[in-house]
Each structure stands twice: as structure tokens, then as C-alpha cells.
PDB file of N, CA and C in Angstrom:
ATOM      1  N   MET A   1      18.810 -15.134 -48.807  1.00  0.00           N
ATOM      2  CA  MET A   1      18.596 -13.711 -48.950  1.00  0.00           C
ATOM      3  C   MET A   1      17.097 -13.437 -48.897  1.00  0.00           C
ATOM      4  N   ALA A   2      16.657 -12.571 -48.002  1.00  0.00           N
ATOM      5  CA  ALA A   2      15.241 -12.231 -47.860  1.00  0.00           C
ATOM      6  C   ALA A   2      14.865 -11.145 -48.857  1.00  0.00           C
ATOM      7  N   THR A   3      13.660 -11.266 -49.365  1.00  0.00           N
ATOM      8  CA  THR A   3      13.148 -10.233 -50.272  1.00  0.00           C
ATOM      9  C   THR A   3      11.841  -9.710 -49.711  1.00  0.00           C
ATOM     10  N   ASN A   4      11.438  -8.542 -50.178  1.00  0.00           N
ATOM     11  CA  ASN A   4      10.187  -7.938 -49.744  1.00  0.00           C
ATOM     12  C   ASN A   4       9.035  -8.305 -50.663  1.00  0.00           C
ATOM     13  N   GLN A   5       9.250  -9.186 -51.609  1.00  0.00           N
ATOM     14  CA  GLN A   5       8.196  -9.564 -52.534  1.00  0.00           C
ATOM     15  C   GLN A   5       7.276 -10.581 -51.878  1.00  0.00           C
ATOM     16  N   PRO A   6       5.974 -10.521 -52.224  1.00  0.00           N
ATOM     17  CA  PRO A   6       5.044 -11.493 -51.646  1.00  0.00           C
ATOM     18  C   PRO A   6       5.345 -12.903 -52.119  1.00  0.00           C
ATOM     19  N   LYS A   7       4.954 -13.886 -51.306  1.00  0.00           N
ATOM     20  CA  LYS A   7       5.158 -15.285 -51.667  1.00  0.00           C
ATOM     21  C   LYS A   7       4.314 -15.687 -52.865  1.00  0.00           C
ATOM     22  N   HIS A   8       3.193 -15.034 -53.045  1.00  0.00           N
ATOM     23  CA  HIS A   8       2.235 -15.390 -54.083  1.00  0.00           C
ATOM     24  C   HIS A   8       2.416 -14.398 -55.241  1.00  0.00           C
ATOM     25  N   GLN A   9       3.365 -14.692 -56.104  1.00  0.00           N
ATOM     26  CA  GLN A   9       3.814 -13.762 -57.118  1.00  0.00           C
ATOM     27  C   GLN A   9       2.707 -13.246 -58.046  1.00  0.00           C
ATOM     28  N   GLU A  10       1.711 -14.065 -58.318  1.00  0.00           N
ATOM     29  CA  GLU A  10       0.688 -13.629 -59.248  1.00  0.00           C
ATOM     30  C   GLU A  10      -0.275 -12.627 -58.629  1.00  0.00           C
ATOM     31  N   LEU A  11      -0.308 -12.516 -57.327  1.00  0.00           N
ATOM     32  CA  LEU A  11      -1.187 -11.585 -56.631  1.00  0.00           C
ATOM     33  C   LEU A  11      -0.332 -10.446 -56.081  1.00  0.00           C
ATOM     34  N   PRO A  12      -0.496  -9.237 -56.613  1.00  0.00           N
ATOM     35  CA  PRO A  12       0.323  -8.115 -56.147  1.00  0.00           C
ATOM     36  C   PRO A  12       0.197  -7.904 -54.644  1.00  0.00           C
ATOM     37  N   ALA A  13       1.228  -7.351 -54.052  1.00  0.00           N
ATOM     38  CA  ALA A  13       1.240  -7.133 -52.606  1.00  0.00           C
ATOM     39  C   ALA A  13       0.238  -6.055 -52.195  1.00  0.00           C
ATOM     40  N   LYS A  14       0.016  -5.094 -53.029  1.00  0.00           N
ATOM     41  CA  LYS A  14      -0.895  -3.988 -52.716  1.00  0.00           C
ATOM     42  C   LYS A  14      -1.959  -3.893 -53.789  1.00  0.00           C
ATOM     43  N   GLY A  15      -3.060  -3.278 -53.419  1.00  0.00           N
ATOM     44  CA  GLY A  15      -4.146  -3.084 -54.364  1.00  0.00           C
ATOM     45  C   GLY A  15      -5.382  -3.855 -53.948  1.00  0.00           C
ATOM     46  N   LEU A  16      -6.289  -4.001 -54.892  1.00  0.00           N
ATOM     47  CA  LEU A  16      -7.552  -4.681 -54.652  1.00  0.00           C
ATOM     48  C   LEU A  16      -7.711  -5.830 -55.630  1.00  0.00           C
ATOM     49  N   CYS A  17      -8.429  -6.873 -55.217  1.00  0.00           N
ATOM     50  CA  CYS A  17      -8.651  -8.010 -56.098  1.00  0.00           C
ATOM     51  C   CYS A  17     -10.043  -8.580 -55.858  1.00  0.00           C
ATOM     52  N   ARG A  18     -10.532  -9.305 -56.830  1.00  0.00           N
ATOM     53  CA  ARG A  18     -11.803  -9.994 -56.715  1.00  0.00           C
ATOM     54  C   ARG A  18     -11.533 -11.449 -56.353  1.00  0.00           C
ATOM     55  N   PHE A  19     -12.578 -12.172 -55.946  1.00  0.00           N
ATOM     56  CA  PHE A  19     -12.411 -13.557 -55.524  1.00  0.00           C
ATOM     57  C   PHE A  19     -11.734 -14.394 -56.596  1.00  0.00           C
ATOM     58  N   ASN A  20     -12.118 -14.232 -57.840  1.00  0.00           N
ATOM     59  CA  ASN A  20     -11.529 -15.019 -58.930  1.00  0.00           C
ATOM     60  C   ASN A  20     -10.022 -14.820 -59.057  1.00  0.00           C
ATOM     61  N   ASP A  21      -9.515 -13.675 -58.607  1.00  0.00           N
ATOM     62  CA  ASP A  21      -8.078 -13.390 -58.683  1.00  0.00           C
ATOM     63  C   ASP A  21      -7.264 -14.211 -57.678  1.00  0.00           C
ATOM     64  N   PHE A  22      -7.843 -14.545 -56.532  1.00  0.00           N
ATOM     65  CA  PHE A  22      -7.084 -15.274 -55.500  1.00  0.00           C
ATOM     66  C   PHE A  22      -7.637 -16.653 -55.187  1.00  0.00           C
ATOM     67  N   GLU A  23      -8.681 -17.064 -55.869  1.00  0.00           N
ATOM     68  CA  GLU A  23      -9.323 -18.352 -55.602  1.00  0.00           C
ATOM     69  C   GLU A  23      -8.341 -19.516 -55.638  1.00  0.00           C
ATOM     70  N   ARG A  24      -7.442 -19.532 -56.608  1.00  0.00           N
ATOM     71  CA  ARG A  24      -6.513 -20.671 -56.756  1.00  0.00           C
ATOM     72  C   ARG A  24      -5.504 -20.756 -55.614  1.00  0.00           C
ATOM     73  N   PHE A  25      -5.300 -19.681 -54.877  1.00  0.00           N
ATOM     74  CA  PHE A  25      -4.323 -19.672 -53.788  1.00  0.00           C
ATOM     75  C   PHE A  25      -4.894 -20.150 -52.461  1.00  0.00           C
ATOM     76  N   ILE A  26      -6.224 -20.081 -52.301  1.00  0.00           N
ATOM     77  CA  ILE A  26      -6.793 -20.378 -50.987  1.00  0.00           C
ATOM     78  C   ILE A  26      -7.291 -21.809 -50.846  1.00  0.00           C
ATOM     79  N   GLY A  27      -7.506 -22.502 -51.940  1.00  0.00           N
ATOM     80  CA  GLY A  27      -7.867 -23.908 -51.883  1.00  0.00           C
ATOM     81  C   GLY A  27      -9.234 -24.202 -51.303  1.00  0.00           C
ATOM     82  N   MET A  28     -10.190 -23.310 -51.526  1.00  0.00           N
ATOM     83  CA  MET A  28     -11.557 -23.559 -51.073  1.00  0.00           C
ATOM     84  C   MET A  28     -12.537 -22.884 -52.022  1.00  0.00           C
ATOM     85  N   SER A  29     -13.773 -23.320 -51.935  1.00  0.00           N
ATOM     86  CA  SER A  29     -14.804 -22.774 -52.817  1.00  0.00           C
ATOM     87  C   SER A  29     -15.214 -21.371 -52.363  1.00  0.00           C
ATOM     88  N   ARG A  30     -15.907 -20.683 -53.250  1.00  0.00           N
ATOM     89  CA  ARG A  30     -16.411 -19.346 -52.929  1.00  0.00           C
ATOM     90  C   ARG A  30     -17.352 -19.408 -51.718  1.00  0.00           C
ATOM     91  N   SER A  31     -18.244 -20.395 -51.693  1.00  0.00           N
ATOM     92  CA  SER A  31     -19.208 -20.476 -50.588  1.00  0.00           C
ATOM     93  C   SER A  31     -18.509 -20.756 -49.255  1.00  0.00           C
ATOM     94  N   SER A  32     -17.487 -21.591 -49.256  1.00  0.00           N
ATOM     95  CA  SER A  32     -16.725 -21.850 -48.023  1.00  0.00           C
ATOM     96  C   SER A  32     -16.005 -20.591 -47.562  1.00  0.00           C
ATOM     97  N   PHE A  33     -15.400 -19.866 -48.503  1.00  0.00           N
ATOM     98  CA  PHE A  33     -14.695 -18.631 -48.164  1.00  0.00           C
ATOM     99  C   PHE A  33     -15.678 -17.597 -47.617  1.00  0.00           C
ATOM    100  N   LEU A  34     -16.836 -17.459 -48.251  1.00  0.00           N
ATOM    101  CA  LEU A  34     -17.817 -16.477 -47.796  1.00  0.00           C
ATOM    102  C   LEU A  34     -18.371 -16.827 -46.423  1.00  0.00           C
ATOM    103  N   ALA A  35     -18.439 -18.113 -46.096  1.00  0.00           N
ATOM    104  CA  ALA A  35     -18.850 -18.516 -44.744  1.00  0.00           C
ATOM    105  C   ALA A  35     -17.820 -18.038 -43.720  1.00  0.00           C
ATOM    106  N   LEU A  36     -16.535 -18.137 -44.062  1.00  0.00           N
ATOM    107  CA  LEU A  36     -15.486 -17.634 -43.162  1.00  0.00           C
ATOM    108  C   LEU A  36     -15.566 -16.111 -43.034  1.00  0.00           C
ATOM    109  N   VAL A  37     -15.848 -15.435 -44.152  1.00  0.00           N
ATOM    110  CA  VAL A  37     -16.003 -13.972 -44.126  1.00  0.00           C
ATOM    111  C   VAL A  37     -17.137 -13.607 -43.176  1.00  0.00           C
ATOM    112  N   LYS A  38     -18.253 -14.304 -43.303  1.00  0.00           N
ATOM    113  CA  LYS A  38     -19.425 -14.032 -42.462  1.00  0.00           C
ATOM    114  C   LYS A  38     -19.107 -14.224 -40.981  1.00  0.00           C
ATOM    115  N   ASP A  39     -18.286 -15.219 -40.663  1.00  0.00           N
ATOM    116  CA  ASP A  39     -17.899 -15.494 -39.277  1.00  0.00           C
ATOM    117  C   ASP A  39     -16.743 -14.619 -38.791  1.00  0.00           C
ATOM    118  N   GLY A  40     -16.213 -13.755 -39.650  1.00  0.00           N
ATOM    119  CA  GLY A  40     -15.101 -12.885 -39.267  1.00  0.00           C
ATOM    120  C   GLY A  40     -13.756 -13.582 -39.267  1.00  0.00           C
ATOM    121  N   LYS A  41     -13.655 -14.733 -39.941  1.00  0.00           N
ATOM    122  CA  LYS A  41     -12.415 -15.510 -39.968  1.00  0.00           C
ATOM    123  C   LYS A  41     -11.659 -15.371 -41.282  1.00  0.00           C
ATOM    124  N   ALA A  42     -12.105 -14.457 -42.137  1.00  0.00           N
ATOM    125  CA  ALA A  42     -11.461 -14.185 -43.423  1.00  0.00           C
ATOM    126  C   ALA A  42     -11.635 -12.699 -43.711  1.00  0.00           C
ATOM    127  N   PRO A  43     -10.832 -12.148 -44.611  1.00  0.00           N
ATOM    128  CA  PRO A  43     -10.918 -10.711 -44.908  1.00  0.00           C
ATOM    129  C   PRO A  43     -12.311 -10.278 -45.336  1.00  0.00           C
ATOM    130  N   GLN A  44     -12.711  -9.121 -44.869  1.00  0.00           N
ATOM    131  CA  GLN A  44     -13.996  -8.544 -45.228  1.00  0.00           C
ATOM    132  C   GLN A  44     -13.886  -7.820 -46.566  1.00  0.00           C
ATOM    133  N   PRO A  45     -14.882  -7.982 -47.425  1.00  0.00           N
ATOM    134  CA  PRO A  45     -14.835  -7.313 -48.727  1.00  0.00           C
ATOM    135  C   PRO A  45     -15.231  -5.851 -48.623  1.00  0.00           C
ATOM    136  N   GLN A  46     -14.876  -5.113 -49.652  1.00  0.00           N
ATOM    137  CA  GLN A  46     -15.330  -3.743 -49.823  1.00  0.00           C
ATOM    138  C   GLN A  46     -16.283  -3.751 -51.009  1.00  0.00           C
ATOM    139  N   ARG A  47     -17.445  -3.148 -50.850  1.00  0.00           N
ATOM    140  CA  ARG A  47     -18.414  -3.098 -51.933  1.00  0.00           C
ATOM    141  C   ARG A  47     -18.103  -1.914 -52.838  1.00  0.00           C
ATOM    142  N   LEU A  48     -17.900  -2.196 -54.132  1.00  0.00           N
ATOM    143  CA  LEU A  48     -17.714  -1.119 -55.100  1.00  0.00           C
ATOM    144  C   LEU A  48     -19.031  -0.776 -55.778  1.00  0.00           C
ATOM    145  N   SER A  49     -19.911  -1.752 -55.864  1.00  0.00           N
ATOM    146  CA  SER A  49     -21.242  -1.547 -56.414  1.00  0.00           C
ATOM    147  C   SER A  49     -22.149  -2.634 -55.850  1.00  0.00           C
ATOM    148  N   GLU A  50     -23.388  -2.641 -56.263  1.00  0.00           N
ATOM    149  CA  GLU A  50     -24.335  -3.632 -55.761  1.00  0.00           C
ATOM    150  C   GLU A  50     -23.891  -5.057 -56.068  1.00  0.00           C
ATOM    151  N   ARG A  51     -23.206  -5.236 -57.191  1.00  0.00           N
ATOM    152  CA  ARG A  51     -22.822  -6.578 -57.629  1.00  0.00           C
ATOM    153  C   ARG A  51     -21.324  -6.830 -57.633  1.00  0.00           C
ATOM    154  N   MET A  52     -20.524  -5.916 -57.084  1.00  0.00           N
ATOM    155  CA  MET A  52     -19.071  -6.086 -57.155  1.00  0.00           C
ATOM    156  C   MET A  52     -18.413  -5.832 -55.800  1.00  0.00           C
ATOM    157  N   SER A  53     -17.733  -6.856 -55.315  1.00  0.00           N
ATOM    158  CA  SER A  53     -16.970  -6.758 -54.070  1.00  0.00           C
ATOM    159  C   SER A  53     -15.498  -7.010 -54.369  1.00  0.00           C
ATOM    160  N   VAL A  54     -14.633  -6.323 -53.644  1.00  0.00           N
ATOM    161  CA  VAL A  54     -13.193  -6.515 -53.784  1.00  0.00           C
ATOM    162  C   VAL A  54     -12.584  -6.685 -52.401  1.00  0.00           C
ATOM    163  N   TYR A  55     -11.388  -7.241 -52.377  1.00  0.00           N
ATOM    164  CA  TYR A  55     -10.656  -7.475 -51.139  1.00  0.00           C
ATOM    165  C   TYR A  55      -9.297  -6.797 -51.240  1.00  0.00           C
ATOM    166  N   LYS A  56      -8.783  -6.344 -50.104  1.00  0.00           N
ATOM    167  CA  LYS A  56      -7.442  -5.767 -50.080  1.00  0.00           C
ATOM    168  C   LYS A  56      -6.429  -6.892 -50.260  1.00  0.00           C
ATOM    169  N   ASN A  57      -5.498  -6.709 -51.171  1.00  0.00           N
ATOM    170  CA  ASN A  57      -4.470  -7.726 -51.410  1.00  0.00           C
ATOM    171  C   ASN A  57      -3.666  -8.021 -50.154  1.00  0.00           C
ATOM    172  N   GLU A  58      -3.395  -6.990 -49.349  1.00  0.00           N
ATOM    173  CA  GLU A  58      -2.630  -7.196 -48.124  1.00  0.00           C
ATOM    174  C   GLU A  58      -3.356  -8.178 -47.201  1.00  0.00           C
ATOM    175  N   ASP A  59      -4.690  -8.023 -47.094  1.00  0.00           N
ATOM    176  CA  ASP A  59      -5.478  -8.916 -46.243  1.00  0.00           C
ATOM    177  C   ASP A  59      -5.489 -10.340 -46.793  1.00  0.00           C
ATOM    178  N   ILE A  60      -5.594 -10.478 -48.105  1.00  0.00           N
ATOM    179  CA  ILE A  60      -5.601 -11.806 -48.716  1.00  0.00           C
ATOM    180  C   ILE A  60      -4.262 -12.498 -48.489  1.00  0.00           C
ATOM    181  N   HIS A  61      -3.154 -11.787 -48.615  1.00  0.00           N
ATOM    182  CA  HIS A  61      -1.831 -12.377 -48.356  1.00  0.00           C
ATOM    183  C   HIS A  61      -1.720 -12.837 -46.903  1.00  0.00           C
ATOM    184  N   ARG A  62      -2.222 -12.019 -45.963  1.00  0.00           N
ATOM    185  CA  ARG A  62      -2.184 -12.417 -44.548  1.00  0.00           C
ATOM    186  C   ARG A  62      -3.038 -13.656 -44.318  1.00  0.00           C
ATOM    187  N   PHE A  63      -4.190 -13.739 -44.988  1.00  0.00           N
ATOM    188  CA  PHE A  63      -5.057 -14.909 -44.855  1.00  0.00           C
ATOM    189  C   PHE A  63      -4.391 -16.153 -45.438  1.00  0.00           C
ATOM    190  N   ILE A  64      -3.760 -16.029 -46.593  1.00  0.00           N
ATOM    191  CA  ILE A  64      -3.093 -17.172 -47.221  1.00  0.00           C
ATOM    192  C   ILE A  64      -1.939 -17.663 -46.343  1.00  0.00           C
ATOM    193  N   ASP A  65      -1.209 -16.738 -45.752  1.00  0.00           N
ATOM    194  CA  ASP A  65      -0.058 -17.114 -44.915  1.00  0.00           C
ATOM    195  C   ASP A  65      -0.487 -17.794 -43.608  1.00  0.00           C
ATOM    196  N   ASN A  66      -1.665 -17.446 -43.083  1.00  0.00           N
ATOM    197  CA  ASN A  66      -2.110 -18.017 -41.803  1.00  0.00           C
ATOM    198  C   ASN A  66      -3.634 -18.037 -41.760  1.00  0.00           C
ATOM    199  N   PRO A  67      -4.276 -18.953 -42.479  1.00  0.00           N
ATOM    200  CA  PRO A  67      -5.742 -18.952 -42.518  1.00  0.00           C
ATOM    201  C   PRO A  67      -6.395 -19.293 -41.178  1.00  0.00           C
ATOM    202  N   VAL A  68      -5.776 -20.112 -40.365  1.00  0.00           N
ATOM    203  CA  VAL A  68      -6.378 -20.483 -39.078  1.00  0.00           C
ATOM    204  C   VAL A  68      -6.293 -19.333 -38.084  1.00  0.00           C
ATOM    205  N   GLY A  69      -5.199 -18.601 -38.105  1.00  0.00           N
ATOM    206  CA  GLY A  69      -5.006 -17.507 -37.134  1.00  0.00           C
ATOM    207  C   GLY A  69      -5.344 -16.144 -37.656  1.00  0.00           C
ATOM    208  N   PHE A  70      -6.042 -16.051 -38.779  1.00  0.00           N
ATOM    209  CA  PHE A  70      -6.329 -14.737 -39.369  1.00  0.00           C
ATOM    210  C   PHE A  70      -7.243 -13.924 -38.457  1.00  0.00           C
ATOM    211  N   LYS A  71      -6.871 -12.686 -38.248  1.00  0.00           N
ATOM    212  CA  LYS A  71      -7.692 -11.712 -37.508  1.00  0.00           C
ATOM    213  C   LYS A  71      -7.795 -10.460 -38.362  1.00  0.00           C
ATOM    214  N   GLN A  72      -8.992  -9.933 -38.449  1.00  0.00           N
ATOM    215  CA  GLN A  72      -9.242  -8.726 -39.250  1.00  0.00           C
ATOM    216  C   GLN A  72      -8.592  -7.538 -38.610  1.00  0.00           C
TER     217      GLN A  72
END
């Protein structure tokens, strides 16, 4: 039986999250992830303030499901 719930139950399907919220799901360090972001191979953050960036949960789920083929 198929469900519409995300595979990663602890990370809501919609909304915004910080790196610490999804770090355990991606299996890489912050610096490695940010290198992928810089190269356009990972979701781009949204700046909420000078020191705070967030990511769309939908984008993070797509990245977790297919990190090699992720397209923004």
C-alpha cells in the first residue's frame, strides 16, 4: 500500500529546515554539503538573516532520494 508520507519521517514533507535538522539523513559533513550547494548539485539555501540559512524540506527530500541526479 503506497502512502503520501515522506520516507524520512523525522523531516516534515513541507516547510523549512536548517542543516542540523537534516544532517543525519545525508551522510556528509556541512563543508561537503556546502561544496555541493556552491556547485549547484544540492539545494540552495534561503537567507533569513545574516547568520541564518534554511532549506526547503521538499528540496532536501528530493536530494536525499537522488543525490547524484539532483537538479535545482
